[in-house]
Amino acid sequence: MGISVTQLLIVLAIVVIVFGTKRLRNLGSDLGGAIKSFRAAVKEGKDEQKVAEEKGITIDGEVTSKKNEEV
C-alpha cells in the first residue's frame, strides 16, 4: 500500500507546474549549500572536541578528560 512510481511522477509534475523549474533549481542549490554548511560545522565541532580532549580542557561546562583533575 505504498506510493507507486506513477503517483510520484504526478506529484512531481504538479510541483513543477506550481513552483516552476527556476524556483526548484534555486531551492535545490540552497538545500545543497545548507547541507554542506552543516557537515562543515559538525566536522569543526568534532575537531574542537578532539583538541579539547587532548589538552584536557572543558567545553561548555563538560569535562572532556579526567587526566588533569585533582582529587
Foldseek 3Di string as FASTA:
>chain_A
DDDDPVNVVVVVVVCCVVQNPVNVVVVVVVVVVVVVVVVVVVVVVVVVLVVCLVVQHDDPPDGSYCPPPDD
